[in-house]
Protein backbone atom coordinates (compact mmCIF):
# COMPACT_ATOMS: atom_id res chain seq x y z
CA PHE A 1 -66.91 -5.24 -28.14
CA PHE A 2 -67.20 -7.43 -31.46
CA SER A 3 -69.45 -10.62 -32.52
CA SER A 4 -68.75 -12.22 -35.93
CA ARG A 5 -71.04 -14.34 -37.69
CA ARG A 6 -68.86 -14.71 -40.63
CA ARG A 7 -67.04 -18.22 -41.31
CA HIS A 8 -63.80 -15.88 -41.77
CA THR A 9 -62.61 -13.36 -39.93
CA ARG A 10 -59.26 -11.61 -40.67
CA LEU A 11 -57.53 -9.41 -38.34
CA GLN A 12 -54.22 -6.87 -38.88
CA GLY A 13 -54.02 -6.12 -35.11
CA ASP A 14 -53.99 -7.68 -31.50
CA TRP A 15 -56.78 -9.93 -30.57
CA SER A 16 -57.42 -8.85 -27.16
CA SER A 17 -61.11 -11.74 -25.60
CA ASP A 18 -62.06 -8.24 -23.34
CA VAL A 19 -63.73 -6.80 -26.38
CA CYS A 20 -65.06 -10.11 -27.74
CA SER A 21 -67.96 -12.37 -27.58
CA SER A 22 -67.58 -16.27 -27.02
CA ASP A 23 -69.86 -17.14 -30.13
CA LEU A 24 -66.98 -17.89 -32.58
CA THR A 25 -68.40 -21.61 -33.43
CA GLY A 26 -67.53 -22.59 -36.91
CA ASN A 27 -65.36 -19.77 -37.63
CA THR A 28 -61.89 -19.39 -38.48
CA VAL A 29 -59.95 -16.33 -37.19
CA ASP A 30 -56.92 -15.13 -39.11
CA PHE A 31 -53.89 -12.77 -37.91
CA ASN A 32 -52.74 -11.93 -41.12
CA GLY A 33 -51.22 -8.55 -40.31
CA THR A 34 -47.83 -7.44 -41.65
CA SER A 35 -46.13 -7.30 -38.33
CA SER A 36 -45.79 -8.23 -34.68
CA GLN A 37 -49.19 -9.56 -33.09
CA THR A 38 -50.65 -10.54 -29.84
CA ILE A 39 -53.28 -13.37 -29.78
CA ASP A 40 -54.69 -13.43 -26.24
CA PRO A 41 -56.09 -16.21 -24.15
CA PHE A 42 -59.24 -17.62 -26.13
CA ASN A 43 -61.38 -20.14 -27.03
CA PHE A 44 -60.95 -20.43 -31.12
CA ASN A 45 -62.86 -22.73 -33.49
CA ASN A 46 -60.29 -22.46 -36.32
CA LEU A 47 -57.24 -20.26 -35.82
CA ARG A 48 -54.23 -19.21 -38.73
CA ILE A 49 -51.35 -17.18 -38.50
CA SER A 50 -50.80 -15.96 -41.95
CA GLY A 51 -49.05 -13.42 -43.79
CA ASN A 52 -45.79 -11.62 -44.22
CA LYS A 53 -44.99 -10.54 -40.97
CA ASN A 54 -41.95 -8.26 -41.70
CA ASN A 55 -39.59 -9.66 -38.92
CA GLY A 56 -42.36 -8.97 -36.33
CA THR A 57 -43.22 -11.14 -33.59
CA ILE A 58 -46.01 -13.60 -32.72
CA THR A 59 -46.65 -13.31 -29.36
CA LEU A 60 -49.27 -15.90 -27.56
CA GLY A 61 -50.78 -14.28 -24.60
CA SER A 62 -50.79 -15.57 -21.12
CA GLY A 63 -53.40 -17.65 -20.37
CA THR A 64 -54.27 -20.44 -22.21
CA ILE A 65 -55.62 -20.61 -25.84
CA LYS A 66 -58.04 -23.07 -26.76
CA VAL A 67 -58.48 -24.50 -30.33
CA GLY A 68 -61.45 -26.81 -31.31
CA GLY A 69 -61.35 -27.13 -35.08
CA ASP A 70 -57.75 -26.36 -37.46
CA PHE A 71 -54.48 -24.36 -36.37
CA ALA A 72 -52.75 -22.83 -39.48
CA ALA A 73 -49.23 -21.31 -38.53
CA THR A 74 -48.17 -20.18 -42.24
CA ALA A 75 -46.70 -17.08 -41.85
CA THR A 76 -43.48 -15.71 -43.19
CA SER A 77 -40.66 -13.48 -42.30
CA ILE A 78 -41.33 -14.04 -37.92
CA GLY A 79 -38.70 -12.39 -36.22
CA ALA A 80 -39.86 -14.76 -33.44
CA TYR A 81 -43.02 -16.68 -31.50
CA SER A 82 -43.11 -15.15 -28.07
CA ALA A 83 -44.99 -18.07 -26.21
CA THR A 84 -43.74 -17.49 -22.09
CA GLY A 85 -46.32 -18.31 -19.66
CA ASN A 86 -49.24 -19.78 -21.39
CA THR A 87 -50.65 -22.95 -22.71
CA VAL A 88 -52.54 -24.03 -26.09
CA GLU A 89 -54.75 -26.96 -25.64
CA PHE A 90 -56.60 -28.76 -29.16
CA THR A 91 -60.00 -29.81 -27.99
CA GLY A 92 -63.28 -29.92 -30.47
CA SER A 93 -65.08 -32.90 -31.16
CA ASP A 94 -64.69 -32.51 -34.91
CA ALA A 95 -63.55 -36.99 -35.93
CA SER A 96 -60.38 -35.53 -37.01
CA ASN A 97 -58.25 -31.74 -37.06
CA SER A 98 -55.12 -30.45 -38.59
CA MET A 99 -52.18 -28.71 -37.61
CA THR A 100 -50.45 -26.97 -40.00
CA ILE A 101 -47.17 -25.49 -39.42
CA SER A 102 -44.94 -24.24 -41.65
CA THR A 103 -41.72 -23.94 -40.94
CA SER A 104 -41.86 -24.18 -36.95
CA MET A 105 -43.53 -23.12 -34.08
CA ASN A 106 -42.81 -22.44 -30.31
CA PHE A 107 -45.08 -23.30 -27.46
CA ASN A 108 -44.72 -22.85 -23.65
CA ASN A 109 -47.46 -25.69 -22.50
CA LEU A 110 -49.43 -27.80 -25.47
CA VAL A 111 -51.85 -29.70 -24.59
CA ILE A 112 -53.88 -32.28 -27.11
CA ASN A 113 -57.91 -33.16 -25.40
CA LYS A 114 -59.49 -34.67 -28.32
CA ALA A 115 -61.83 -36.79 -26.53
CA GLY A 116 -61.45 -40.11 -28.70
CA GLN A 117 -60.95 -37.57 -32.03
CA SER A 118 -57.21 -36.93 -33.60
CA LEU A 119 -55.42 -34.06 -34.22
CA LEU A 120 -52.86 -34.59 -37.44
CA VAL A 121 -49.19 -32.75 -37.79
CA THR A 122 -50.00 -31.61 -41.95
CA ASN A 123 -46.74 -30.50 -42.70
CA PRO A 124 -43.72 -32.92 -43.44
CA SER A 125 -41.18 -30.00 -42.55
CA SER A 126 -43.35 -28.98 -39.27
CA ILE A 127 -40.42 -28.11 -36.37
CA ILE A 128 -42.58 -27.89 -32.75
CA ASN A 129 -40.89 -26.46 -30.40
CA ILE A 130 -41.77 -27.37 -26.22
CA ALA A 131 -40.49 -25.05 -23.32
CA GLY A 132 -42.50 -26.06 -20.86
CA ASP A 133 -45.39 -29.58 -20.59
CA HIS A 134 -46.59 -31.53 -23.05
CA THR A 135 -49.82 -33.09 -21.97
CA LEU A 136 -51.32 -36.14 -23.95
CA ALA A 137 -55.15 -35.72 -22.21
CA ALA A 138 -57.70 -37.46 -24.81
CA GLY A 139 -57.49 -38.55 -28.33
CA GLN A 140 -54.67 -39.32 -31.00
CA PHE A 141 -51.78 -36.47 -31.58
CA LEU A 142 -50.65 -37.78 -35.14
CA ALA A 143 -46.76 -36.02 -35.44
CA THR A 144 -46.13 -38.54 -38.01
CA ASN A 145 -43.79 -36.11 -40.36
CA ALA A 146 -42.96 -33.16 -37.77
CA THR A 147 -39.92 -33.50 -35.29
CA ILE A 148 -40.66 -32.10 -32.01
CA ASN A 149 -38.31 -30.67 -29.97
CA MET A 150 -38.49 -31.00 -25.98
CA THR A 151 -36.72 -28.31 -23.71
CA GLY A 152 -37.82 -28.65 -20.95
CA GLY A 153 -41.17 -29.74 -18.45
CA ASN A 154 -42.90 -33.02 -18.82
CA TRP A 155 -43.99 -35.00 -20.84
CA LYS A 156 -47.63 -36.25 -19.60
CA ASN A 157 -49.69 -38.87 -21.21
CA ASN A 158 -52.93 -39.63 -19.02
CA GLY A 159 -53.97 -41.64 -21.86
CA ALA A 160 -53.94 -40.62 -25.50
CA THR A 161 -52.32 -42.36 -28.02
CA PHE A 162 -49.49 -40.44 -29.48
CA SER A 163 -47.40 -41.56 -33.29
CA ASP A 164 -44.17 -40.23 -34.41
CA ARG A 165 -42.40 -41.46 -37.56
CA LYS A 166 -40.16 -38.64 -37.91
CA SER A 167 -38.28 -37.16 -34.66
CA THR A 168 -38.62 -36.52 -31.18
CA ARG A 169 -36.40 -34.79 -28.91
CA LEU A 170 -36.78 -35.12 -25.11
CA ASN A 171 -33.91 -32.82 -23.83
CA SER A 172 -33.98 -32.19 -20.15
CA SER A 173 -37.36 -32.86 -19.88
CA HIS A 174 -39.77 -35.76 -18.07
CA LEU A 175 -41.70 -38.81 -18.93
CA VAL A 176 -44.42 -38.48 -16.74
């Protein structure tokens, strides 16, 4: 069983939600191992994927991974992001949170559910690849400097705001 009251927790191995307390309020969990890592579904506050992965795979486990704070995927030498069968949902009540992606990141389903708040993509070279559905449930998704590639699924806007000044490509996707 794992419970952390530290502000920053670094993990070299995989994350399994069945051995962790749900009390990570205000915490940052940093997956900074030097090879492949798996991130199981869980409610994270701040989530980071960092370090040199030595051509390893980052697997986003099947289910819903929630991020209530900031998200940073700045790892180097990644073989692949595997996101089959999962949903990454950005939640939280902070006025503004950031999504930092150093190069590109693959998502299966991506949900922005910020209830009157915003999620800002900060890196102008960010490439966000979405294979499944992209749902704008609530709040603002400010991807003004990012490239978003939708390769399948549906683009659903349920009343949120989307701002994009660079490039959004909807390939075989449906606007709902």
